[in-house]
Amino acid sequence: MDTESLLVLVRYHRWANRRILETAAGLTDDEFRGPAPLDHGTAFDALRHLMDADWSWREYLGGHDVGTTYVWDHGIELDDLASITAFCAEEDERLERYVASLDAAVLHEEVPVGDEDRAPRWVILAHVVNHGTQHRSELALYLTDRGHSPDQLDLIDAFTLPSSG
């Protein structure tokens, strides 16, 4: 994996996050905060989890292991869709800057994962994108079921332009 290829995935992640957040704005507060068939119980909690996981992994890879704390334990309020959306835009920018700063040697450097395992840094970064895809997929189905489809979330859709004819 090289930096430019990984940046494609990170830019897709940003695009798809934005699309889900924009679509979530169509939910009522009850739909946003109420029980839902999602891994984290509500659309609100699923989005907070997604932001926390992105932040935690980037912090860890940047040399600041936050352990078992959450992003909101560090004074970052994610109390509503507006604050989640603002934080997501900032975090996606930080992630892209971080990835852009990495050379091949650092990308392939093995990093501890858990107590005994290790993984190349680029695999962990690809995991961040893939993890986001899992939760965005759940949210997309939930949003669609409530009449607010985010439309296509495929990788190719993030990088194609409408035809001119």
Foldseek 3Di string as FASTA:
>chain_A
DWLVVLLLLLLLLLVLLLLLLVLCVPDDPCQQPPADPAPQGGVLRLLQVLLFLLVQLVCVLVPHHPDPDTPVVVVQDSPDSVSSNVSSNVSSVVLSVVSNPDGPVQQQDWDDDPDDDTGGNSVSSSVSSVVSVVSSVRSQVSSVVVVRHSPDSDSVVSPDDDDPD
